[in-house]
Amino acid sequence: MSTEAAAQSHSTPTTLRALLEAGADASAIAEHLKGMPKQERYAEALGLTTKRVGMLYDACAGAEMTGADFVPEDTADGDPIIHQGRNSLPMFNDFQKRFARMSSGEIVGYNHQAMAWLTGPGYFVLREAHPESDVPEELYLDYTSQPETWPEHWPTFKANDSGLSNLVYKNMKDYMRLVAEGVSVGKAYKLGKSQDQYFILCRQ
């Protein structure tokens, strides 16, 4: 390898964190992650912490998603698809969002995490992008609506505006952007106002 080529190889960011800190765009990030085995791709994504999760969301502006990114089309009705998650909060970072497509076609989900006994399961419905929503071009996880139905083995439904669920999930909508295959990033809004809270999901 020539001296010039060696210098270029050392100057090229080789991790997701380095790409973000170098100001890489969505296509560069997706290309980097696409070349990795799935578990390495997920490890890099879930390895991001605090402000870098927000940086990833900003970098992926315009990266649209569909329901199939959450629940693949060949998934049987009611079968759960688990997305491992990590948020930008200073504690209680790790969680799962579990999704299922019901026979009606509606995609529903809930939050599986250590504090669910206190905060409730946080049920949501996946909504398509809408011109009058907080982020018009992005689909979102809507915590303000009760699902029509959900898998029978899932936790007992609890309204998001009752008890301590009120503090966590009431009036919330998570707007989602695609990062790479199986990887997405979201940002929480309440009543149209950004909460400056972000999270990463990796589909298992």
N, C-alpha and C. Protein backbone atom coordinates (compact mmCIF):
# COMPACT_ATOMS: atom_id res chain seq x y z
N MET A 1 0.85 -1.20 0.00
CA MET A 1 0.00 0.00 0.00
C MET A 1 0.88 1.24 0.00
N SER A 2 0.56 2.20 -0.87
CA SER A 2 1.33 3.44 -0.93
C SER A 2 1.10 4.28 0.31
N THR A 3 2.02 5.24 0.52
CA THR A 3 1.88 6.14 1.66
C THR A 3 0.58 6.91 1.57
N GLU A 4 0.21 7.36 0.34
CA GLU A 4 -1.03 8.12 0.15
C GLU A 4 -2.25 7.26 0.46
N ALA A 5 -2.25 6.00 -0.02
CA ALA A 5 -3.38 5.11 0.22
C ALA A 5 -3.51 4.79 1.70
N ALA A 6 -2.37 4.60 2.36
CA ALA A 6 -2.40 4.32 3.79
C ALA A 6 -2.99 5.49 4.56
N ALA A 7 -2.60 6.69 4.16
CA ALA A 7 -3.12 7.88 4.82
C ALA A 7 -4.62 7.99 4.64
N GLN A 8 -5.09 7.67 3.42
CA GLN A 8 -6.52 7.74 3.15
C GLN A 8 -7.28 6.72 3.97
N SER A 9 -6.71 5.49 4.09
CA SER A 9 -7.40 4.46 4.85
C SER A 9 -7.51 4.82 6.31
N HIS A 10 -6.45 5.50 6.85
CA HIS A 10 -6.49 5.88 8.25
C HIS A 10 -7.42 7.06 8.48
N SER A 11 -7.67 7.87 7.45
CA SER A 11 -8.50 9.05 7.61
C SER A 11 -9.98 8.76 7.38
N THR A 12 -10.29 7.60 6.81
CA THR A 12 -11.67 7.25 6.54
C THR A 12 -12.33 6.68 7.80
N PRO A 13 -13.47 7.27 8.24
CA PRO A 13 -14.14 6.74 9.43
C PRO A 13 -14.55 5.29 9.23
N THR A 14 -14.30 4.44 10.22
CA THR A 14 -14.58 3.02 10.07
C THR A 14 -15.62 2.51 11.06
N THR A 15 -16.20 3.38 11.86
CA THR A 15 -17.27 2.99 12.77
C THR A 15 -18.44 3.94 12.59
N LEU A 16 -19.60 3.51 13.05
CA LEU A 16 -20.79 4.36 12.96
C LEU A 16 -20.57 5.64 13.77
N ARG A 17 -19.99 5.51 14.95
CA ARG A 17 -19.73 6.68 15.78
C ARG A 17 -18.81 7.67 15.05
N ALA A 18 -17.75 7.15 14.43
CA ALA A 18 -16.82 8.02 13.72
C ALA A 18 -17.49 8.69 12.53
N LEU A 19 -18.35 7.95 11.82
CA LEU A 19 -19.08 8.53 10.69
C LEU A 19 -19.95 9.69 11.15
N LEU A 20 -20.65 9.51 12.25
CA LEU A 20 -21.51 10.57 12.77
C LEU A 20 -20.69 11.80 13.15
N GLU A 21 -19.58 11.57 13.82
CA GLU A 21 -18.75 12.69 14.25
C GLU A 21 -18.08 13.40 13.08
N ALA A 22 -17.97 12.69 11.94
CA ALA A 22 -17.41 13.29 10.73
C ALA A 22 -18.48 13.96 9.87
N GLY A 23 -19.76 13.87 10.31
CA GLY A 23 -20.85 14.52 9.59
C GLY A 23 -21.35 13.75 8.39
N ALA A 24 -21.23 12.43 8.41
CA ALA A 24 -21.68 11.61 7.29
C ALA A 24 -23.19 11.72 7.09
N ASP A 25 -23.63 11.54 5.84
CA ASP A 25 -25.06 11.60 5.56
C ASP A 25 -25.68 10.21 5.61
N ALA A 26 -27.00 10.16 5.37
CA ALA A 26 -27.75 8.90 5.50
C ALA A 26 -27.22 7.82 4.57
N SER A 27 -26.87 8.17 3.34
CA SER A 27 -26.42 7.15 2.39
C SER A 27 -25.08 6.55 2.81
N ALA A 28 -24.17 7.38 3.32
CA ALA A 28 -22.86 6.88 3.77
C ALA A 28 -23.03 5.96 4.97
N ILE A 29 -23.93 6.33 5.87
CA ILE A 29 -24.18 5.50 7.06
C ILE A 29 -24.80 4.17 6.66
N ALA A 30 -25.79 4.20 5.77
CA ALA A 30 -26.44 2.97 5.32
C ALA A 30 -25.45 2.06 4.60
N GLU A 31 -24.57 2.63 3.78
CA GLU A 31 -23.58 1.84 3.05
C GLU A 31 -22.61 1.18 4.02
N HIS A 32 -22.19 1.91 5.02
CA HIS A 32 -21.28 1.37 6.02
C HIS A 32 -21.90 0.17 6.75
N LEU A 33 -23.14 0.32 7.20
CA LEU A 33 -23.78 -0.73 7.97
C LEU A 33 -24.18 -1.92 7.10
N LYS A 34 -24.52 -1.64 5.84
CA LYS A 34 -24.95 -2.71 4.92
C LYS A 34 -23.86 -3.75 4.71
N GLY A 35 -22.62 -3.33 4.79
CA GLY A 35 -21.51 -4.25 4.54
C GLY A 35 -21.14 -5.13 5.71
N MET A 36 -21.88 -5.03 6.80
CA MET A 36 -21.56 -5.80 8.01
C MET A 36 -22.50 -6.98 8.20
N PRO A 37 -22.03 -8.05 8.84
CA PRO A 37 -22.96 -9.08 9.30
C PRO A 37 -23.98 -8.45 10.24
N LYS A 38 -25.17 -9.04 10.30
CA LYS A 38 -26.27 -8.41 11.05
C LYS A 38 -25.90 -8.12 12.50
N GLN A 39 -25.28 -9.06 13.18
CA GLN A 39 -24.99 -8.84 14.60
C GLN A 39 -23.98 -7.72 14.81
N GLU A 40 -23.01 -7.58 13.92
CA GLU A 40 -22.07 -6.47 14.03
C GLU A 40 -22.77 -5.14 13.75
N ARG A 41 -23.67 -5.16 12.77
CA ARG A 41 -24.43 -3.95 12.43
C ARG A 41 -25.25 -3.50 13.63
N TYR A 42 -25.91 -4.45 14.27
CA TYR A 42 -26.74 -4.12 15.42
C TYR A 42 -25.88 -3.66 16.61
N ALA A 43 -24.73 -4.29 16.79
CA ALA A 43 -23.85 -3.91 17.90
C ALA A 43 -23.37 -2.47 17.74
N GLU A 44 -23.05 -2.06 16.52
CA GLU A 44 -22.62 -0.68 16.30
C GLU A 44 -23.76 0.29 16.58
N ALA A 45 -24.95 -0.04 16.11
CA ALA A 45 -26.09 0.85 16.31
C ALA A 45 -26.45 0.96 17.79
N LEU A 46 -26.56 -0.18 18.46
CA LEU A 46 -26.96 -0.17 19.87
C LEU A 46 -25.83 0.31 20.78
N GLY A 47 -24.64 0.42 20.23
CA GLY A 47 -23.51 0.93 21.00
C GLY A 47 -23.49 2.45 21.11
N LEU A 48 -24.31 3.13 20.31
CA LEU A 48 -24.37 4.59 20.40
C LEU A 48 -25.06 4.99 21.70
N THR A 49 -24.61 6.09 22.27
CA THR A 49 -25.18 6.57 23.52
C THR A 49 -25.52 8.05 23.43
N THR A 50 -26.40 8.48 24.33
CA THR A 50 -26.81 9.87 24.56
C THR A 50 -26.89 10.68 23.28
N LYS A 51 -26.07 11.73 23.14
CA LYS A 51 -26.26 12.68 22.05
C LYS A 51 -26.07 12.07 20.67
N ARG A 52 -25.30 10.98 20.58
CA ARG A 52 -25.04 10.40 19.25
C ARG A 52 -26.28 9.73 18.67
N VAL A 53 -27.21 9.32 19.53
CA VAL A 53 -28.47 8.78 19.02
C VAL A 53 -29.24 9.89 18.31
N GLY A 54 -29.25 11.08 18.90
CA GLY A 54 -29.87 12.23 18.24
C GLY A 54 -29.15 12.61 16.97
N MET A 55 -27.83 12.51 16.96
CA MET A 55 -27.06 12.80 15.75
C MET A 55 -27.45 11.85 14.63
N LEU A 56 -27.70 10.59 14.98
CA LEU A 56 -28.09 9.61 13.97
C LEU A 56 -29.46 9.96 13.39
N TYR A 57 -30.39 10.35 14.24
CA TYR A 57 -31.71 10.75 13.74
C TYR A 57 -31.58 11.93 12.77
N ASP A 58 -30.80 12.93 13.13
CA ASP A 58 -30.62 14.09 12.27
C ASP A 58 -29.96 13.71 10.95
N ALA A 59 -28.98 12.81 11.01
CA ALA A 59 -28.26 12.41 9.81
C ALA A 59 -29.16 11.66 8.83
N CYS A 60 -30.19 10.98 9.35
CA CYS A 60 -31.05 10.14 8.51
C CYS A 60 -32.31 10.86 8.05
N ALA A 61 -32.31 12.16 8.07
CA ALA A 61 -33.46 12.94 7.59
C ALA A 61 -33.82 12.51 6.17
N GLY A 62 -35.10 12.29 5.94
CA GLY A 62 -35.58 11.92 4.61
C GLY A 62 -35.56 10.43 4.33
N ALA A 63 -35.04 9.63 5.27
CA ALA A 63 -34.99 8.18 5.07
C ALA A 63 -36.33 7.58 5.48
N GLU A 64 -37.16 7.27 4.50
CA GLU A 64 -38.53 6.83 4.77
C GLU A 64 -38.60 5.36 5.13
N MET A 65 -39.63 5.02 5.91
CA MET A 65 -39.87 3.64 6.32
C MET A 65 -41.26 3.20 5.89
N THR A 66 -41.49 1.89 5.92
CA THR A 66 -42.82 1.33 5.70
C THR A 66 -43.11 0.36 6.83
N GLY A 67 -44.35 -0.10 6.90
CA GLY A 67 -44.70 -1.07 7.92
C GLY A 67 -43.88 -2.34 7.83
N ALA A 68 -43.45 -2.71 6.62
CA ALA A 68 -42.66 -3.93 6.44
C ALA A 68 -41.29 -3.84 7.09
N ASP A 69 -40.81 -2.63 7.35
CA ASP A 69 -39.54 -2.48 8.07
C ASP A 69 -39.68 -2.90 9.53
N PHE A 70 -40.90 -2.84 10.05
CA PHE A 70 -41.16 -3.25 11.42
C PHE A 70 -41.65 -4.68 11.51
N VAL A 71 -42.55 -5.04 10.60
CA VAL A 71 -43.09 -6.40 10.54
C VAL A 71 -43.03 -6.86 9.09
N PRO A 72 -42.07 -7.72 8.74
CA PRO A 72 -41.96 -8.17 7.35
C PRO A 72 -43.26 -8.75 6.81
N GLU A 73 -43.47 -8.59 5.52
CA GLU A 73 -44.73 -8.97 4.90
C GLU A 73 -45.07 -10.45 5.07
N ASP A 74 -44.05 -11.30 5.17
CA ASP A 74 -44.32 -12.73 5.26
C ASP A 74 -44.57 -13.20 6.70
N THR A 75 -44.69 -12.26 7.64
CA THR A 75 -44.95 -12.61 9.04
C THR A 75 -46.43 -12.96 9.22
N ALA A 76 -46.71 -14.05 9.90
CA ALA A 76 -48.10 -14.45 10.14
C ALA A 76 -48.79 -13.44 11.06
N ASP A 77 -50.10 -13.27 10.85
CA ASP A 77 -50.88 -12.35 11.69
C ASP A 77 -50.70 -12.70 13.16
N GLY A 78 -50.40 -11.69 13.96
CA GLY A 78 -50.28 -11.89 15.39
C GLY A 78 -48.93 -12.36 15.88
N ASP A 79 -48.05 -12.77 14.97
CA ASP A 79 -46.72 -13.20 15.39
C ASP A 79 -45.87 -11.98 15.76
N PRO A 80 -45.24 -11.99 16.93
CA PRO A 80 -44.49 -10.82 17.36
C PRO A 80 -43.13 -10.71 16.66
N ILE A 81 -42.76 -9.49 16.37
CA ILE A 81 -41.43 -9.16 15.86
C ILE A 81 -40.78 -8.24 16.88
N ILE A 82 -39.65 -8.66 17.42
CA ILE A 82 -38.99 -7.91 18.48
C ILE A 82 -37.93 -6.99 17.89
N HIS A 83 -37.96 -5.74 18.33
CA HIS A 83 -36.92 -4.77 18.00
C HIS A 83 -36.21 -4.38 19.29
N GLN A 84 -34.93 -4.73 19.35
CA GLN A 84 -34.14 -4.35 20.52
C GLN A 84 -33.86 -2.85 20.45
N GLY A 85 -34.00 -2.16 21.58
CA GLY A 85 -33.87 -0.71 21.56
C GLY A 85 -32.88 -0.17 22.56
N ARG A 86 -32.39 1.02 22.26
CA ARG A 86 -31.55 1.78 23.19
C ARG A 86 -31.91 3.24 23.03
N ASN A 87 -32.14 3.94 24.14
CA ASN A 87 -32.52 5.34 24.04
C ASN A 87 -31.40 6.27 24.48
N SER A 88 -31.66 7.56 24.38
CA SER A 88 -30.63 8.57 24.65
C SER A 88 -30.67 9.07 26.09
N LEU A 89 -31.49 8.45 26.94
CA LEU A 89 -31.59 8.88 28.33
C LEU A 89 -30.35 8.45 29.11
N PRO A 90 -30.06 9.12 30.22
CA PRO A 90 -28.86 8.77 30.99
C PRO A 90 -28.98 7.45 31.75
N MET A 91 -30.20 6.91 31.91
CA MET A 91 -30.38 5.63 32.59
C MET A 91 -31.61 4.92 32.04
N PHE A 92 -31.79 3.63 32.40
CA PHE A 92 -32.86 2.80 31.86
C PHE A 92 -32.85 2.84 30.33
N ASN A 93 -31.66 2.58 29.76
CA ASN A 93 -31.47 2.74 28.32
C ASN A 93 -32.03 1.61 27.48
N ASP A 94 -31.98 0.40 28.00
CA ASP A 94 -32.27 -0.77 27.18
C ASP A 94 -33.73 -1.21 27.31
N PHE A 95 -34.32 -1.54 26.19
CA PHE A 95 -35.74 -1.93 26.16
C PHE A 95 -35.99 -2.67 24.85
N GLN A 96 -37.21 -3.14 24.68
CA GLN A 96 -37.65 -3.70 23.41
C GLN A 96 -38.98 -3.07 23.03
N LYS A 97 -39.18 -2.87 21.75
CA LYS A 97 -40.51 -2.60 21.22
C LYS A 97 -40.91 -3.85 20.45
N ARG A 98 -42.07 -4.39 20.81
CA ARG A 98 -42.56 -5.60 20.17
C ARG A 98 -43.75 -5.26 19.29
N PHE A 99 -43.68 -5.68 18.04
CA PHE A 99 -44.67 -5.34 17.03
C PHE A 99 -45.39 -6.60 16.56
N ALA A 100 -46.62 -6.42 16.06
CA ALA A 100 -47.35 -7.50 15.40
C ALA A 100 -48.33 -6.89 14.41
N ARG A 101 -48.51 -7.58 13.28
CA ARG A 101 -49.55 -7.19 12.33
C ARG A 101 -50.77 -8.06 12.60
N MET A 102 -51.90 -7.42 12.84
CA MET A 102 -53.11 -8.16 13.16
C MET A 102 -53.87 -8.48 11.87
N SER A 103 -54.91 -9.31 11.97
CA SER A 103 -55.65 -9.75 10.78
C SER A 103 -56.31 -8.59 10.05
N SER A 104 -56.56 -7.49 10.77
CA SER A 104 -57.15 -6.30 10.14
C SER A 104 -56.13 -5.54 9.29
N GLY A 105 -54.86 -5.89 9.44
CA GLY A 105 -53.79 -5.17 8.76
C GLY A 105 -53.13 -4.13 9.64
N GLU A 106 -53.76 -3.83 10.78
CA GLU A 106 -53.19 -2.85 11.69
C GLU A 106 -51.93 -3.41 12.35
N ILE A 107 -50.87 -2.59 12.40
CA ILE A 107 -49.65 -2.97 13.10
C ILE A 107 -49.65 -2.30 14.46
N VAL A 108 -49.54 -3.12 15.50
CA VAL A 108 -49.60 -2.64 16.88
C VAL A 108 -48.32 -3.03 17.60
N GLY A 109 -48.12 -2.43 18.77
CA GLY A 109 -46.94 -2.79 19.53
C GLY A 109 -47.01 -2.31 20.96
N TYR A 110 -46.02 -2.73 21.73
CA TYR A 110 -45.91 -2.25 23.11
C TYR A 110 -44.44 -2.23 23.50
N ASN A 111 -44.15 -1.61 24.65
CA ASN A 111 -42.78 -1.48 25.14
C ASN A 111 -42.52 -2.54 26.22
N HIS A 112 -41.51 -3.35 25.97
CA HIS A 112 -41.13 -4.39 26.91
C HIS A 112 -39.85 -3.93 27.60
N GLN A 113 -39.96 -3.58 28.88
CA GLN A 113 -38.79 -3.04 29.59
C GLN A 113 -38.94 -3.25 31.09
N ALA A 114 -37.84 -3.06 31.81
CA ALA A 114 -37.77 -3.44 33.22
C ALA A 114 -38.76 -2.68 34.09
N MET A 115 -39.12 -1.47 33.70
CA MET A 115 -40.01 -0.64 34.53
C MET A 115 -41.47 -0.74 34.11
N ALA A 116 -41.80 -1.70 33.24
CA ALA A 116 -43.18 -1.81 32.74
C ALA A 116 -44.18 -2.05 33.85
N TRP A 117 -43.76 -2.72 34.94
CA TRP A 117 -44.67 -2.95 36.07
C TRP A 117 -45.15 -1.64 36.67
N LEU A 118 -44.35 -0.57 36.49
CA LEU A 118 -44.67 0.73 37.05
C LEU A 118 -45.30 1.67 36.03
N THR A 119 -44.75 1.66 34.82
CA THR A 119 -45.19 2.62 33.79
C THR A 119 -46.28 2.07 32.88
N GLY A 120 -46.52 0.75 32.93
CA GLY A 120 -47.45 0.14 32.00
C GLY A 120 -46.75 -0.28 30.72
N PRO A 121 -47.43 -1.05 29.88
CA PRO A 121 -46.80 -1.58 28.67
C PRO A 121 -46.62 -0.56 27.54
N GLY A 122 -47.30 0.56 27.61
CA GLY A 122 -47.13 1.57 26.56
C GLY A 122 -47.52 1.07 25.18
N TYR A 123 -48.78 0.69 25.03
CA TYR A 123 -49.26 0.24 23.71
C TYR A 123 -49.30 1.38 22.71
N PHE A 124 -49.07 1.03 21.43
CA PHE A 124 -49.11 2.03 20.36
C PHE A 124 -49.61 1.39 19.07
N VAL A 125 -49.96 2.24 18.11
CA VAL A 125 -50.37 1.82 16.78
C VAL A 125 -49.46 2.49 15.77
N LEU A 126 -49.00 1.74 14.79
CA LEU A 126 -48.17 2.33 13.74
C LEU A 126 -49.06 3.11 12.78
N ARG A 127 -48.70 4.36 12.52
CA ARG A 127 -49.46 5.22 11.61
C ARG A 127 -48.60 5.63 10.42
N GLU A 128 -49.22 5.70 9.26
CA GLU A 128 -48.53 6.17 8.06
C GLU A 128 -48.28 7.67 8.14
N ALA A 129 -47.30 8.14 7.39
CA ALA A 129 -47.01 9.57 7.33
C ALA A 129 -48.26 10.34 6.91
N HIS A 130 -48.41 11.52 7.49
CA HIS A 130 -49.60 12.33 7.22
C HIS A 130 -49.18 13.80 7.13
N PRO A 131 -49.69 14.55 6.15
CA PRO A 131 -49.25 15.94 5.98
C PRO A 131 -49.52 16.86 7.16
N GLU A 132 -50.44 16.47 8.05
CA GLU A 132 -50.75 17.32 9.19
C GLU A 132 -50.10 16.83 10.49
N SER A 133 -49.24 15.83 10.40
CA SER A 133 -48.58 15.33 11.61
C SER A 133 -47.37 16.20 11.95
N ASP A 134 -46.76 15.92 13.09
CA ASP A 134 -45.65 16.74 13.57
C ASP A 134 -44.47 16.72 12.61
N VAL A 135 -44.19 15.55 12.03
CA VAL A 135 -43.13 15.41 11.02
C VAL A 135 -43.81 14.79 9.80
N PRO A 136 -44.33 15.60 8.90
CA PRO A 136 -45.27 15.14 7.87
C PRO A 136 -44.81 13.98 7.01
N GLU A 137 -43.51 13.85 6.75
CA GLU A 137 -43.05 12.83 5.82
C GLU A 137 -42.70 11.51 6.51
N GLU A 138 -42.92 11.39 7.81
CA GLU A 138 -42.47 10.20 8.53
C GLU A 138 -43.63 9.44 9.18
N LEU A 139 -43.58 8.10 9.06
CA LEU A 139 -44.57 7.32 9.81
C LEU A 139 -44.21 7.38 11.29
N TYR A 140 -45.18 7.02 12.12
CA TYR A 140 -44.94 7.19 13.56
C TYR A 140 -45.66 6.14 14.38
N LEU A 141 -45.18 5.99 15.60
CA LEU A 141 -45.80 5.11 16.58
C LEU A 141 -46.69 5.97 17.45
N ASP A 142 -47.98 5.72 17.38
CA ASP A 142 -48.99 6.58 18.00
C ASP A 142 -49.45 5.99 19.33
N TYR A 143 -49.11 6.66 20.42
CA TYR A 143 -49.50 6.23 21.75
C TYR A 143 -50.83 6.83 22.19
N THR A 144 -51.42 7.65 21.34
CA THR A 144 -52.66 8.34 21.72
C THR A 144 -53.91 7.56 21.34
N SER A 145 -53.75 6.43 20.64
CA SER A 145 -54.90 5.62 20.20
C SER A 145 -54.79 4.21 20.77
N GLN A 146 -55.91 3.64 21.13
CA GLN A 146 -55.94 2.25 21.58
C GLN A 146 -55.99 1.33 20.37
N PRO A 147 -55.14 0.30 20.32
CA PRO A 147 -55.21 -0.65 19.22
C PRO A 147 -56.59 -1.32 19.16
N GLU A 148 -57.00 -1.72 17.96
CA GLU A 148 -58.26 -2.45 17.81
C GLU A 148 -58.18 -3.79 18.53
N THR A 149 -57.02 -4.44 18.42
CA THR A 149 -56.78 -5.72 19.09
C THR A 149 -55.29 -5.92 19.16
N TRP A 150 -54.85 -6.97 19.86
CA TRP A 150 -53.43 -7.27 20.01
C TRP A 150 -53.30 -8.75 20.33
N PRO A 151 -52.11 -9.32 20.19
CA PRO A 151 -51.95 -10.76 20.46
C PRO A 151 -52.38 -11.10 21.88
N GLU A 152 -53.08 -12.22 22.04
CA GLU A 152 -53.69 -12.55 23.32
C GLU A 152 -52.68 -12.81 24.42
N HIS A 153 -51.44 -13.18 24.05
CA HIS A 153 -50.43 -13.47 25.07
C HIS A 153 -49.66 -12.22 25.49
N TRP A 154 -49.97 -11.07 24.90
CA TRP A 154 -49.30 -9.83 25.29
C TRP A 154 -49.85 -9.32 26.62
N PRO A 155 -49.16 -8.34 27.23
CA PRO A 155 -49.61 -7.82 28.53
C PRO A 155 -51.03 -7.24 28.46
N THR A 156 -51.69 -7.24 29.60
CA THR A 156 -53.01 -6.62 29.70
C THR A 156 -52.93 -5.16 29.28
N PHE A 157 -53.87 -4.73 28.46
CA PHE A 157 -53.86 -3.34 27.99
C PHE A 157 -54.08 -2.39 29.16
N LYS A 158 -53.32 -1.29 29.17
CA LYS A 158 -53.49 -0.22 30.13
C LYS A 158 -53.42 1.10 29.36
N ALA A 159 -54.40 1.96 29.57
CA ALA A 159 -54.43 3.23 28.84
C ALA A 159 -53.20 4.06 29.15
N ASN A 160 -52.71 4.76 28.15
CA ASN A 160 -51.49 5.56 28.32
C ASN A 160 -51.71 6.89 29.03
N ASP A 161 -52.97 7.17 29.40
CA ASP A 161 -53.24 8.41 30.13
C ASP A 161 -53.71 8.12 31.56
N SER A 162 -53.33 6.93 32.07
CA SER A 162 -53.74 6.57 33.43
C SER A 162 -52.52 6.19 34.26
N GLY A 163 -52.59 6.44 35.57
CA GLY A 163 -51.50 6.08 36.46
C GLY A 163 -50.18 6.71 36.04
N LEU A 164 -49.08 5.97 36.25
CA LEU A 164 -47.76 6.50 35.88
C LEU A 164 -47.51 6.42 34.38
N SER A 165 -48.36 5.68 33.64
CA SER A 165 -48.27 5.72 32.18
C SER A 165 -48.47 7.15 31.68
N ASN A 166 -49.26 7.89 32.42
CA ASN A 166 -49.55 9.28 32.09
C ASN A 166 -48.29 10.11 31.95
N LEU A 167 -47.27 9.83 32.79
CA LEU A 167 -46.04 10.61 32.77
C LEU A 167 -45.10 10.21 31.63
N VAL A 168 -45.23 8.96 31.18
CA VAL A 168 -44.30 8.45 30.18
C VAL A 168 -44.88 8.49 28.77
N TYR A 169 -46.10 7.98 28.60
CA TYR A 169 -46.63 7.73 27.26
C TYR A 169 -47.75 8.67 26.82
N LYS A 170 -48.36 9.40 27.73
CA LYS A 170 -49.51 10.22 27.36
C LYS A 170 -49.14 11.24 26.28
N ASN A 171 -49.98 11.33 25.25
CA ASN A 171 -49.84 12.30 24.15
C ASN A 171 -48.57 12.11 23.32
N MET A 172 -47.95 10.95 23.40
CA MET A 172 -46.67 10.76 22.71
C MET A 172 -46.83 10.15 21.32
N LYS A 173 -45.96 10.58 20.43
CA LYS A 173 -45.82 9.99 19.10
C LYS A 173 -44.33 9.92 18.79
N ASP A 174 -43.88 8.74 18.35
CA ASP A 174 -42.48 8.53 17.98
C ASP A 174 -42.36 8.54 16.47
N TYR A 175 -41.59 9.48 15.93
CA TYR A 175 -41.39 9.59 14.49
C TYR A 175 -40.12 8.84 14.10
N MET A 176 -40.22 8.04 13.01
CA MET A 176 -39.20 7.04 12.71
C MET A 176 -38.49 7.31 11.37
N ARG A 177 -37.19 7.03 11.38
CA ARG A 177 -36.37 7.11 10.17
C ARG A 177 -35.57 5.83 10.00
N LEU A 178 -35.43 5.38 8.75
CA LEU A 178 -34.65 4.18 8.45
C LEU A 178 -33.16 4.53 8.47
N VAL A 179 -32.37 3.66 9.10
CA VAL A 179 -30.91 3.83 9.12
C VAL A 179 -30.29 2.86 8.11
N ALA A 180 -30.61 1.60 8.25
CA ALA A 180 -30.14 0.53 7.36
C ALA A 180 -31.08 -0.64 7.55
N GLU A 181 -30.87 -1.72 6.81
CA GLU A 181 -31.76 -2.87 6.94
C GLU A 181 -31.82 -3.33 8.39
N GLY A 182 -33.04 -3.35 8.95
CA GLY A 182 -33.24 -3.80 10.30
C GLY A 182 -32.94 -2.78 11.38
N VAL A 183 -32.48 -1.61 10.99
CA VAL A 183 -32.09 -0.58 11.97
C VAL A 183 -32.88 0.70 11.70
N SER A 184 -33.49 1.25 12.74
CA SER A 184 -34.22 2.50 12.62
C SER A 184 -33.93 3.39 13.82
N VAL A 185 -34.28 4.65 13.68
CA VAL A 185 -34.05 5.61 14.76
C VAL A 185 -35.29 6.48 14.89
N GLY A 186 -35.66 6.83 16.12
CA GLY A 186 -36.88 7.58 16.35
C GLY A 186 -36.67 8.77 17.27
N LYS A 187 -37.65 9.67 17.22
CA LYS A 187 -37.64 10.87 18.05
C LYS A 187 -39.04 11.05 18.63
N ALA A 188 -39.11 11.35 19.92
CA ALA A 188 -40.39 11.46 20.62
C ALA A 188 -40.93 12.89 20.58
N TYR A 189 -42.23 12.99 20.33
CA TYR A 189 -42.95 14.26 20.38
C TYR A 189 -44.15 14.09 21.31
N LYS A 190 -44.51 15.17 21.99
CA LYS A 190 -45.76 15.21 22.76
C LYS A 190 -46.49 16.50 22.44
N LEU A 191 -47.74 16.36 22.01
CA LEU A 191 -48.57 17.50 21.64
C LEU A 191 -47.84 18.40 20.64
N GLY A 192 -47.16 17.77 19.71
CA GLY A 192 -46.49 18.51 18.65
C GLY A 192 -45.15 19.10 19.02
N LYS A 193 -44.67 18.86 20.24
CA LYS A 193 -43.42 19.44 20.70
C LYS A 193 -42.36 18.35 20.87
N SER A 194 -41.18 18.58 20.27
CA SER A 194 -40.08 17.64 20.43
C SER A 194 -39.70 17.51 21.90
N GLN A 195 -39.46 16.27 22.32
CA GLN A 195 -39.03 16.01 23.70
C GLN A 195 -37.51 15.89 23.81
N ASP A 196 -36.80 16.06 22.67
CA ASP A 196 -35.35 15.88 22.63
C ASP A 196 -34.94 14.53 23.20
N GLN A 197 -35.75 13.52 22.93
CA GLN A 197 -35.47 12.15 23.34
C GLN A 197 -35.47 11.27 22.09
N TYR A 198 -34.43 10.45 21.97
CA TYR A 198 -34.22 9.66 20.77
C TYR A 198 -33.98 8.20 21.16
N PHE A 199 -34.17 7.30 20.19
CA PHE A 199 -33.90 5.89 20.45
C PHE A 199 -33.58 5.17 19.14
N ILE A 200 -32.86 4.08 19.26
CA ILE A 200 -32.50 3.21 18.15
C ILE A 200 -33.23 1.89 18.31
N LEU A 201 -33.68 1.31 17.19
CA LEU A 201 -34.29 -0.02 17.19
C LEU A 201 -33.55 -0.91 16.21
N CYS A 202 -33.32 -2.17 16.61
CA CYS A 202 -32.74 -3.17 15.74
C CYS A 202 -33.66 -4.39 15.70
N ARG A 203 -34.16 -4.73 14.51
CA ARG A 203 -35.13 -5.81 14.37
C ARG A 203 -34.44 -7.16 14.49
N GLN A 204 -34.95 -7.98 15.38
CA GLN A 204 -34.35 -9.30 15.62
C GLN A 204 -35.05 -10.39 14.83
